[in-house]
Full PDB file with SEQRES, HELIX, SHEET, SSBOND, CRYST1, ORIGX, SCALE, CONECT and MASTER records, all heavy atoms in Angstrom:
SEQRES   1 A   34  ASP ALA VAL ALA ARG GLN LYS ARG VAL ALA GLN ARG LEU          
SEQRES   2 A   34  ALA GLU ARG GLN ALA GLU ALA GLN ALA LYS ALA ALA ALA          
SEQRES   3 A   34  ALA ALA ALA ALA SER THR PRO ALA                              
HELIX    1 AA1 ALA A    2  SER A   31  1                                  30    
CRYST1    1.000    1.000    1.000  90.00  90.00  90.00 P 1           1          
ORIGX1      1.000000  0.000000  0.000000        0.00000                         
ORIGX2      0.000000  1.000000  0.000000        0.00000                         
ORIGX3      0.000000  0.000000  1.000000        0.00000                         
SCALE1      1.000000  0.000000  0.000000        0.00000                         
SCALE2      0.000000  1.000000  0.000000        0.00000                         
SCALE3      0.000000  0.000000  1.000000        0.00000                         
ATOM      1  N   ASP A   1     192.195-113.138   9.174  1.00  0.00           N  
ATOM      2  CA  ASP A   1     191.411-113.767  10.241  1.00  0.00           C  
ATOM      3  C   ASP A   1     191.898-113.353  11.601  1.00  0.00           C  
ATOM      4  O   ASP A   1     191.111-113.149  12.521  1.00  0.00           O  
ATOM      5  CB  ASP A   1     191.514-115.304  10.094  1.00  0.00           C  
ATOM      6  CG  ASP A   1     190.774-115.799   8.845  1.00  0.00           C  
ATOM      7  OD1 ASP A   1     189.954-115.028   8.296  1.00  0.00           O  
ATOM      8  OD2 ASP A   1     191.034-116.933   8.417  1.00  0.00           O  
ATOM      9  N   ALA A   2     193.222-113.242  11.759  1.00  0.00           N  
ATOM     10  CA  ALA A   2     193.757-112.835  13.043  1.00  0.00           C  
ATOM     11  C   ALA A   2     193.345-111.415  13.409  1.00  0.00           C  
ATOM     12  O   ALA A   2     192.991-111.110  14.553  1.00  0.00           O  
ATOM     13  CB  ALA A   2     195.298-112.932  13.022  1.00  0.00           C  
ATOM     14  N   VAL A   3     193.338-110.534  12.400  1.00  0.00           N  
ATOM     15  CA  VAL A   3     192.922-109.138  12.635  1.00  0.00           C  
ATOM     16  C   VAL A   3     191.443-109.100  13.068  1.00  0.00           C  
ATOM     17  O   VAL A   3     191.078-108.402  14.018  1.00  0.00           O  
ATOM     18  CB  VAL A   3     193.145-108.287  11.351  1.00  0.00           C  
ATOM     19  CG1 VAL A   3     192.486-106.941  11.500  1.00  0.00           C  
ATOM     20  CG2 VAL A   3     194.656-108.122  11.132  1.00  0.00           C  
ATOM     21  N   ALA A   4     190.613-109.851  12.356  1.00  0.00           N  
ATOM     22  CA  ALA A   4     189.180-109.836  12.698  1.00  0.00           C  
ATOM     23  C   ALA A   4     188.955-110.420  14.096  1.00  0.00           C  
ATOM     24  O   ALA A   4     188.122-109.919  14.877  1.00  0.00           O  
ATOM     25  CB  ALA A   4     188.389-110.666  11.667  1.00  0.00           C  
ATOM     26  N   ARG A   5     189.686-111.492  14.440  1.00  0.00           N  
ATOM     27  CA  ARG A   5     189.551-112.072  15.758  1.00  0.00           C  
ATOM     28  C   ARG A   5     189.954-111.085  16.855  1.00  0.00           C  
ATOM     29  O   ARG A   5     189.306-110.993  17.896  1.00  0.00           O  
ATOM     30  CB  ARG A   5     190.393-113.346  15.843  1.00  0.00           C  
ATOM     31  CG  ARG A   5     190.223-114.125  17.125  1.00  0.00           C  
ATOM     32  CD  ARG A   5     190.770-115.526  17.022  1.00  0.00           C  
ATOM     33  NE  ARG A   5     192.172-115.536  16.580  1.00  0.00           N  
ATOM     34  CZ  ARG A   5     192.568-115.890  15.378  1.00  0.00           C  
ATOM     35  NH1 ARG A   5     191.695-116.261  14.468  1.00  0.00           N  
ATOM     36  NH2 ARG A   5     193.858-115.871  15.056  1.00  0.00           N  
ATOM     37  N   GLN A   6     191.037-110.336  16.637  1.00  0.00           N  
ATOM     38  CA  GLN A   6     191.462-109.389  17.639  1.00  0.00           C  
ATOM     39  C   GLN A   6     190.430-108.262  17.821  1.00  0.00           C  
ATOM     40  O   GLN A   6     190.210-107.773  18.911  1.00  0.00           O  
ATOM     41  CB  GLN A   6     192.826-108.788  17.217  1.00  0.00           C  
ATOM     42  CG  GLN A   6     193.936-109.834  17.186  1.00  0.00           C  
ATOM     43  CD  GLN A   6     194.090-110.590  18.464  1.00  0.00           C  
ATOM     44  OE1 GLN A   6     193.876-110.042  19.523  1.00  0.00           O  
ATOM     45  NE2 GLN A   6     194.402-111.872  18.420  1.00  0.00           N  
ATOM     46  N   LYS A   7     189.802-107.848  16.741  1.00  0.00           N  
ATOM     47  CA  LYS A   7     188.768-106.811  16.829  1.00  0.00           C  
ATOM     48  C   LYS A   7     187.578-107.322  17.653  1.00  0.00           C  
ATOM     49  O   LYS A   7     187.022-106.578  18.453  1.00  0.00           O  
ATOM     50  CB  LYS A   7     188.327-106.371  15.435  1.00  0.00           C  
ATOM     51  CG  LYS A   7     189.382-105.608  14.666  1.00  0.00           C  
ATOM     52  CD  LYS A   7     188.873-105.151  13.305  1.00  0.00           C  
ATOM     53  CE  LYS A   7     187.805-104.110  13.477  1.00  0.00           C  
ATOM     54  NZ  LYS A   7     187.332-103.590  12.173  1.00  0.00           N  
ATOM     55  N   ARG A   8     187.193-108.593  17.452  1.00  0.00           N  
ATOM     56  CA  ARG A   8     186.058-109.122  18.213  1.00  0.00           C  
ATOM     57  C   ARG A   8     186.420-109.229  19.692  1.00  0.00           C  
ATOM     58  O   ARG A   8     185.584-108.942  20.545  1.00  0.00           O  
ATOM     59  CB  ARG A   8     185.679-110.503  17.645  1.00  0.00           C  
ATOM     60  CG  ARG A   8     185.047-110.459  16.259  1.00  0.00           C  
ATOM     61  CD  ARG A   8     184.385-111.805  15.929  1.00  0.00           C  
ATOM     62  NE  ARG A   8     185.348-112.888  15.912  1.00  0.00           N  
ATOM     63  CZ  ARG A   8     186.014-113.258  14.816  1.00  0.00           C  
ATOM     64  NH1 ARG A   8     185.790-112.611  13.668  1.00  0.00           N  
ATOM     65  NH2 ARG A   8     186.862-114.253  14.842  1.00  0.00           N  
ATOM     66  N   VAL A   9     187.643-109.617  19.987  1.00  0.00           N  
ATOM     67  CA  VAL A   9     188.067-109.715  21.395  1.00  0.00           C  
ATOM     68  C   VAL A   9     188.030-108.350  22.037  1.00  0.00           C  
ATOM     69  O   VAL A   9     187.568-108.183  23.183  1.00  0.00           O  
ATOM     70  CB  VAL A   9     189.475-110.345  21.482  1.00  0.00           C  
ATOM     71  CG1 VAL A   9     190.029-110.200  22.877  1.00  0.00           C  
ATOM     72  CG2 VAL A   9     189.416-111.811  21.070  1.00  0.00           C  
ATOM     73  N   ALA A  10     188.548-107.317  21.338  1.00  0.00           N  
ATOM     74  CA  ALA A  10     188.544-105.971  21.888  1.00  0.00           C  
ATOM     75  C   ALA A  10     187.145-105.475  22.095  1.00  0.00           C  
ATOM     76  O   ALA A  10     186.849-104.806  23.137  1.00  0.00           O  
ATOM     77  CB  ALA A  10     189.291-105.021  20.929  1.00  0.00           C  
ATOM     78  N   GLN A  11     186.220-105.768  21.197  1.00  0.00           N  
ATOM     79  CA  GLN A  11     184.858-105.308  21.338  1.00  0.00           C  
ATOM     80  C   GLN A  11     184.174-105.999  22.545  1.00  0.00           C  
ATOM     81  O   GLN A  11     183.485-105.354  23.317  1.00  0.00           O  
ATOM     82  CB  GLN A  11     184.077-105.598  20.062  1.00  0.00           C  
ATOM     83  CG  GLN A  11     182.631-105.085  20.105  1.00  0.00           C  
ATOM     84  CD  GLN A  11     181.913-105.296  18.776  1.00  0.00           C  
ATOM     85  OE1 GLN A  11     182.492-105.851  17.866  1.00  0.00           O  
ATOM     86  NE2 GLN A  11     180.705-104.844  18.714  1.00  0.00           N  
ATOM     87  N   ARG A  12     184.398-107.305  22.707  1.00  0.00           N  
ATOM     88  CA  ARG A  12     183.785-108.011  23.839  1.00  0.00           C  
ATOM     89  C   ARG A  12     184.350-107.474  25.161  1.00  0.00           C  
ATOM     90  O   ARG A  12     183.635-107.338  26.155  1.00  0.00           O  
ATOM     91  CB  ARG A  12     184.050-109.504  23.719  1.00  0.00           C  
ATOM     92  CG  ARG A  12     183.220-110.181  22.635  1.00  0.00           C  
ATOM     93  CD  ARG A  12     183.185-111.693  22.835  1.00  0.00           C  
ATOM     94  NE  ARG A  12     184.530-112.281  22.720  1.00  0.00           N  
ATOM     95  CZ  ARG A  12     185.054-112.717  21.592  1.00  0.00           C  
ATOM     96  NH1 ARG A  12     184.369-112.667  20.473  1.00  0.00           N  
ATOM     97  NH2 ARG A  12     186.255-113.239  21.565  1.00  0.00           N  
ATOM     98  N   LEU A  13     185.659-107.183  25.178  1.00  0.00           N  
ATOM     99  CA  LEU A  13     186.273-106.670  26.392  1.00  0.00           C  
ATOM    100  C   LEU A  13     185.676-105.322  26.765  1.00  0.00           C  
ATOM    101  O   LEU A  13     185.354-105.033  27.925  1.00  0.00           O  
ATOM    102  CB  LEU A  13     187.778-106.538  26.206  1.00  0.00           C  
ATOM    103  CG  LEU A  13     188.560-105.940  27.382  1.00  0.00           C  
ATOM    104  CD1 LEU A  13     188.416-106.817  28.608  1.00  0.00           C  
ATOM    105  CD2 LEU A  13     190.035-105.792  27.034  1.00  0.00           C  
ATOM    106  N   ALA A  14     185.491-104.433  25.768  1.00  0.00           N  
ATOM    107  CA  ALA A  14     184.892-103.129  26.015  1.00  0.00           C  
ATOM    108  C   ALA A  14     183.445-103.254  26.511  1.00  0.00           C  
ATOM    109  O   ALA A  14     183.030-102.527  27.435  1.00  0.00           O  
ATOM    110  CB  ALA A  14     184.944-102.278  24.741  1.00  0.00           C  
ATOM    111  N   GLU A  15     182.692-104.204  25.960  1.00  0.00           N  
ATOM    112  CA  GLU A  15     181.309-104.392  26.384  1.00  0.00           C  
ATOM    113  C   GLU A  15     181.260-104.879  27.818  1.00  0.00           C  
ATOM    114  O   GLU A  15     180.421-104.435  28.604  1.00  0.00           O  
ATOM    115  CB  GLU A  15     180.611-105.355  25.429  1.00  0.00           C  
ATOM    116  CG  GLU A  15     180.376-104.786  24.034  1.00  0.00           C  
ATOM    117  CD  GLU A  15     179.829-105.845  23.103  1.00  0.00           C  
ATOM    118  OE1 GLU A  15     179.731-107.023  23.524  1.00  0.00           O  
ATOM    119  OE2 GLU A  15     179.444-105.470  21.960  1.00  0.00           O  
ATOM    120  N   ARG A  16     182.153-105.829  28.196  1.00  0.00           N  
ATOM    121  CA  ARG A  16     182.131-106.329  29.559  1.00  0.00           C  
ATOM    122  C   ARG A  16     182.526-105.225  30.538  1.00  0.00           C  
ATOM    123  O   ARG A  16     181.975-105.117  31.660  1.00  0.00           O  
ATOM    124  CB  ARG A  16     183.098-107.523  29.669  1.00  0.00           C  
ATOM    125  CG  ARG A  16     182.589-108.795  29.024  1.00  0.00           C  
ATOM    126  CD  ARG A  16     183.345-110.009  29.518  1.00  0.00           C  
ATOM    127  NE  ARG A  16     184.733-109.917  29.177  1.00  0.00           N  
ATOM    128  CZ  ARG A  16     185.255-110.430  28.058  1.00  0.00           C  
ATOM    129  NH1 ARG A  16     184.468-111.009  27.187  1.00  0.00           N  
ATOM    130  NH2 ARG A  16     186.536-110.349  27.817  1.00  0.00           N  
ATOM    131  N   GLN A  17     183.488-104.399  30.160  1.00  0.00           N  
ATOM    132  CA  GLN A  17     183.877-103.314  31.080  1.00  0.00           C  
ATOM    133  C   GLN A  17     182.769-102.306  31.248  1.00  0.00           C  
ATOM    134  O   GLN A  17     182.516-101.786  32.338  1.00  0.00           O  
ATOM    135  CB  GLN A  17     185.145-102.652  30.512  1.00  0.00           C  
ATOM    136  CG  GLN A  17     186.386-103.517  30.589  1.00  0.00           C  
ATOM    137  CD  GLN A  17     187.570-102.846  29.961  1.00  0.00           C  
ATOM    138  OE1 GLN A  17     187.448-101.809  29.309  1.00  0.00           O  
ATOM    139  NE2 GLN A  17     188.770-103.435  30.166  1.00  0.00           N  
ATOM    140  N   ALA A  18     182.039-102.010  30.132  1.00  0.00           N  
ATOM    141  CA  ALA A  18     180.933-101.061  30.239  1.00  0.00           C  
ATOM    142  C   ALA A  18     179.844-101.611  31.131  1.00  0.00           C  
ATOM    143  O   ALA A  18     179.232-100.876  31.935  1.00  0.00           O  
ATOM    144  CB  ALA A  18     180.401-100.725  28.827  1.00  0.00           C  
ATOM    145  N   GLU A  19     179.545-102.907  31.016  1.00  0.00           N  
ATOM    146  CA  GLU A  19     178.496-103.513  31.830  1.00  0.00           C  
ATOM    147  C   GLU A  19     178.892-103.498  33.304  1.00  0.00           C  
ATOM    148  O   GLU A  19     178.064-103.180  34.178  1.00  0.00           O  
ATOM    149  CB  GLU A  19     178.276-104.954  31.352  1.00  0.00           C  
ATOM    150  CG  GLU A  19     177.162-105.656  32.123  1.00  0.00           C  
ATOM    151  CD  GLU A  19     176.955-107.084  31.606  1.00  0.00           C  
ATOM    152  OE1 GLU A  19     177.613-107.464  30.624  1.00  0.00           O  
ATOM    153  OE2 GLU A  19     176.112-107.800  32.189  1.00  0.00           O  
ATOM    154  N   ALA A  20     180.213-103.805  33.585  1.00  0.00           N  
ATOM    155  CA  ALA A  20     180.647-103.796  34.974  1.00  0.00           C  
ATOM    156  C   ALA A  20     180.581-102.389  35.594  1.00  0.00           C  
ATOM    157  O   ALA A  20     180.160-102.198  36.717  1.00  0.00           O  
ATOM    158  CB  ALA A  20     182.079-104.327  35.052  1.00  0.00           C  
ATOM    159  N   GLN A  21     180.959-101.385  34.793  1.00  0.00           N  
ATOM    160  CA  GLN A  21     180.912-100.004  35.297  1.00  0.00           C  
ATOM    161  C   GLN A  21     179.478 -99.559  35.529  1.00  0.00           C  
ATOM    162  O   GLN A  21     179.173 -98.846  36.490  1.00  0.00           O  
ATOM    163  CB  GLN A  21     181.630 -99.115  34.308  1.00  0.00           C  
ATOM    164  CG  GLN A  21     183.137 -99.336  34.266  1.00  0.00           C  
ATOM    165  CD  GLN A  21     183.817 -98.474  33.209  1.00  0.00           C  
ATOM    166  OE1 GLN A  21     183.128 -97.763  32.453  1.00  0.00           O  
ATOM    167  NE2 GLN A  21     185.138 -98.526  33.164  1.00  0.00           N  
ATOM    168  N   ALA A  22     178.571 -99.987  34.639  1.00  0.00           N  
ATOM    169  CA  ALA A  22     177.169 -99.586  34.831  1.00  0.00           C  
ATOM    170  C   ALA A  22     176.611-100.219  36.073  1.00  0.00           C  
ATOM    171  O   ALA A  22     175.840 -99.583  36.846  1.00  0.00           O  
ATOM    172  CB  ALA A  22     176.374 -99.999  33.582  1.00  0.00           C  
ATOM    173  N   LYS A  23     176.916-101.502  36.335  1.00  0.00           N  
ATOM    174  CA  LYS A  23     176.433-102.163  37.563  1.00  0.00           C  
ATOM    175  C   LYS A  23     177.014-101.498  38.808  1.00  0.00           C  
ATOM    176  O   LYS A  23     176.300-101.311  39.795  1.00  0.00           O  
ATOM    177  CB  LYS A  23     176.827-103.629  37.515  1.00  0.00           C  
ATOM    178  CG  LYS A  23     176.029-104.453  36.490  1.00  0.00           C  
ATOM    179  CD  LYS A  23     176.442-105.904  36.548  1.00  0.00           C  
ATOM    180  CE  LYS A  23     175.650-106.717  35.522  1.00  0.00           C  
ATOM    181  NZ  LYS A  23     176.069-108.159  35.545  1.00  0.00           N  
ATOM    182  N   ALA A  24     178.291-101.123  38.746  1.00  0.00           N  
ATOM    183  CA  ALA A  24     178.890-100.435  39.900  1.00  0.00           C  
ATOM    184  C   ALA A  24     178.231 -99.103  40.158  1.00  0.00           C  
ATOM    185  O   ALA A  24     177.987 -98.689  41.301  1.00  0.00           O  
ATOM    186  CB  ALA A  24     180.401-100.269  39.657  1.00  0.00           C  
ATOM    187  N   ALA A  25     177.909 -98.368  39.090  1.00  0.00           N  
ATOM    188  CA  ALA A  25     177.246 -97.065  39.251  1.00  0.00           C  
ATOM    189  C   ALA A  25     175.876 -97.248  39.820  1.00  0.00           C  
ATOM    190  O   ALA A  25     175.416 -96.447  40.682  1.00  0.00           O  
ATOM    191  CB  ALA A  25     177.197 -96.367  37.903  1.00  0.00           C  
ATOM    192  N   ALA A  26     175.134 -98.255  39.400  1.00  0.00           N  
ATOM    193  CA  ALA A  26     173.808 -98.484  39.923  1.00  0.00           C  
ATOM    194  C   ALA A  26     173.842 -98.845  41.387  1.00  0.00           C  
ATOM    195  O   ALA A  26     173.025 -98.392  42.171  1.00  0.00           O  
ATOM    196  CB  ALA A  26     173.106 -99.574  39.103  1.00  0.00           C  
ATOM    197  N   ALA A  27     174.848 -99.673  41.758  1.00  0.00           N  
ATOM    198  CA  ALA A  27     174.956-100.057  43.172  1.00  0.00           C  
ATOM    199  C   ALA A  27     175.334 -98.879  44.003  1.00  0.00           C  
ATOM    200  O   ALA A  27     174.823 -98.678  45.120  1.00  0.00           O  
ATOM    201  CB  ALA A  27     176.032-101.182  43.288  1.00  0.00           C  
ATOM    202  N   ALA A  28     176.208 -97.984  43.497  1.00  0.00           N  
ATOM    203  CA  ALA A  28     176.583 -96.797  44.253  1.00  0.00           C  
ATOM    204  C   ALA A  28     175.408 -95.825  44.383  1.00  0.00           C  
ATOM    205  O   ALA A  28     175.198 -95.233  45.458  1.00  0.00           O  
ATOM    206  CB  ALA A  28     177.737 -96.093  43.552  1.00  0.00           C  
ATOM    207  N   ALA A  29     174.602 -95.709  43.388  1.00  0.00           N  
ATOM    208  CA  ALA A  29     173.410 -94.821  43.464  1.00  0.00           C  
ATOM    209  C   ALA A  29     172.381 -95.367  44.456  1.00  0.00           C  
ATOM    210  O   ALA A  29     171.744 -94.620  45.177  1.00  0.00           O  
ATOM    211  CB  ALA A  29     172.811 -94.673  42.066  1.00  0.00           C  
ATOM    212  N   ALA A  30     172.256 -96.698  44.486  1.00  0.00           N  
ATOM    213  CA  ALA A  30     171.275 -97.301  45.409  1.00  0.00           C  
ATOM    214  C   ALA A  30     171.706 -97.156  46.860  1.00  0.00           C  
ATOM    215  O   ALA A  30     170.872 -97.054  47.748  1.00  0.00           O  
ATOM    216  CB  ALA A  30     171.075 -98.767  45.051  1.00  0.00           C  
ATOM    217  N   SER A  31     173.027 -97.100  47.094  1.00  0.00           N  
ATOM    218  CA  SER A  31     173.520 -97.021  48.482  1.00  0.00           C  
ATOM    219  C   SER A  31     173.643 -95.599  48.971  1.00  0.00           C  
ATOM    220  O   SER A  31     173.983 -95.345  50.115  1.00  0.00           O  
ATOM    221  CB  SER A  31     174.865 -97.726  48.589  1.00  0.00           C  
ATOM    222  OG  SER A  31     175.801 -97.090  47.742  1.00  0.00           O  
ATOM    223  N   THR A  32     173.417 -94.575  48.123  1.00  0.00           N  
ATOM    224  CA  THR A  32     173.537 -93.183  48.542  1.00  0.00           C  
ATOM    225  C   THR A  32     172.367 -92.783  49.411  1.00  0.00           C  
ATOM    226  O   THR A  32     171.200 -93.025  49.053  1.00  0.00           O  
ATOM    227  CB  THR A  32     173.592 -92.285  47.292  1.00  0.00           C  
ATOM    228  OG1 THR A  32     174.663 -92.698  46.459  1.00  0.00           O  
ATOM    229  CG2 THR A  32     173.756 -90.822  47.698  1.00  0.00           C  
ATOM    230  N   PRO A  33     172.571 -92.207  50.621  1.00  0.00           N  
ATOM    231  CA  PRO A  33     171.453 -91.819  51.495  1.00  0.00           C  
ATOM    232  C   PRO A  33     170.603 -90.718  50.882  1.00  0.00           C  
ATOM    233  O   PRO A  33     171.082 -89.850  50.170  1.00  0.00           O  
ATOM    234  CB  PRO A  33     172.142 -91.375  52.775  1.00  0.00           C  
ATOM    235  CG  PRO A  33     173.524 -90.949  52.336  1.00  0.00           C  
ATOM    236  CD  PRO A  33     173.879 -91.896  51.219  1.00  0.00           C  
ATOM    237  N   ALA A  34     169.321 -90.796  51.171  1.00  0.00           N  
ATOM    238  CA  ALA A  34     168.385 -89.802  50.629  1.00  0.00           C  
ATOM    239  C   ALA A  34     168.614 -88.433  51.271  1.00  0.00           C  
ATOM    240  O   ALA A  34     168.940 -88.315  52.472  1.00  0.00           O  
ATOM    241  CB  ALA A  34     166.965 -90.263  50.862  1.00  0.00           C  
TER     242      ALA A  34                                                      
MASTER        0    0    0    1    0    0    0    6  241    1    0    3          
END                                                                             
């Protein structure tokens, strides 16, 4: 159970980091001058 719980925590952490990086990239692209 501990092993499975650690895997779920790692997966959620990776998903949150990917979402944050995607939002940062979108914000940077929107602020780039034409």
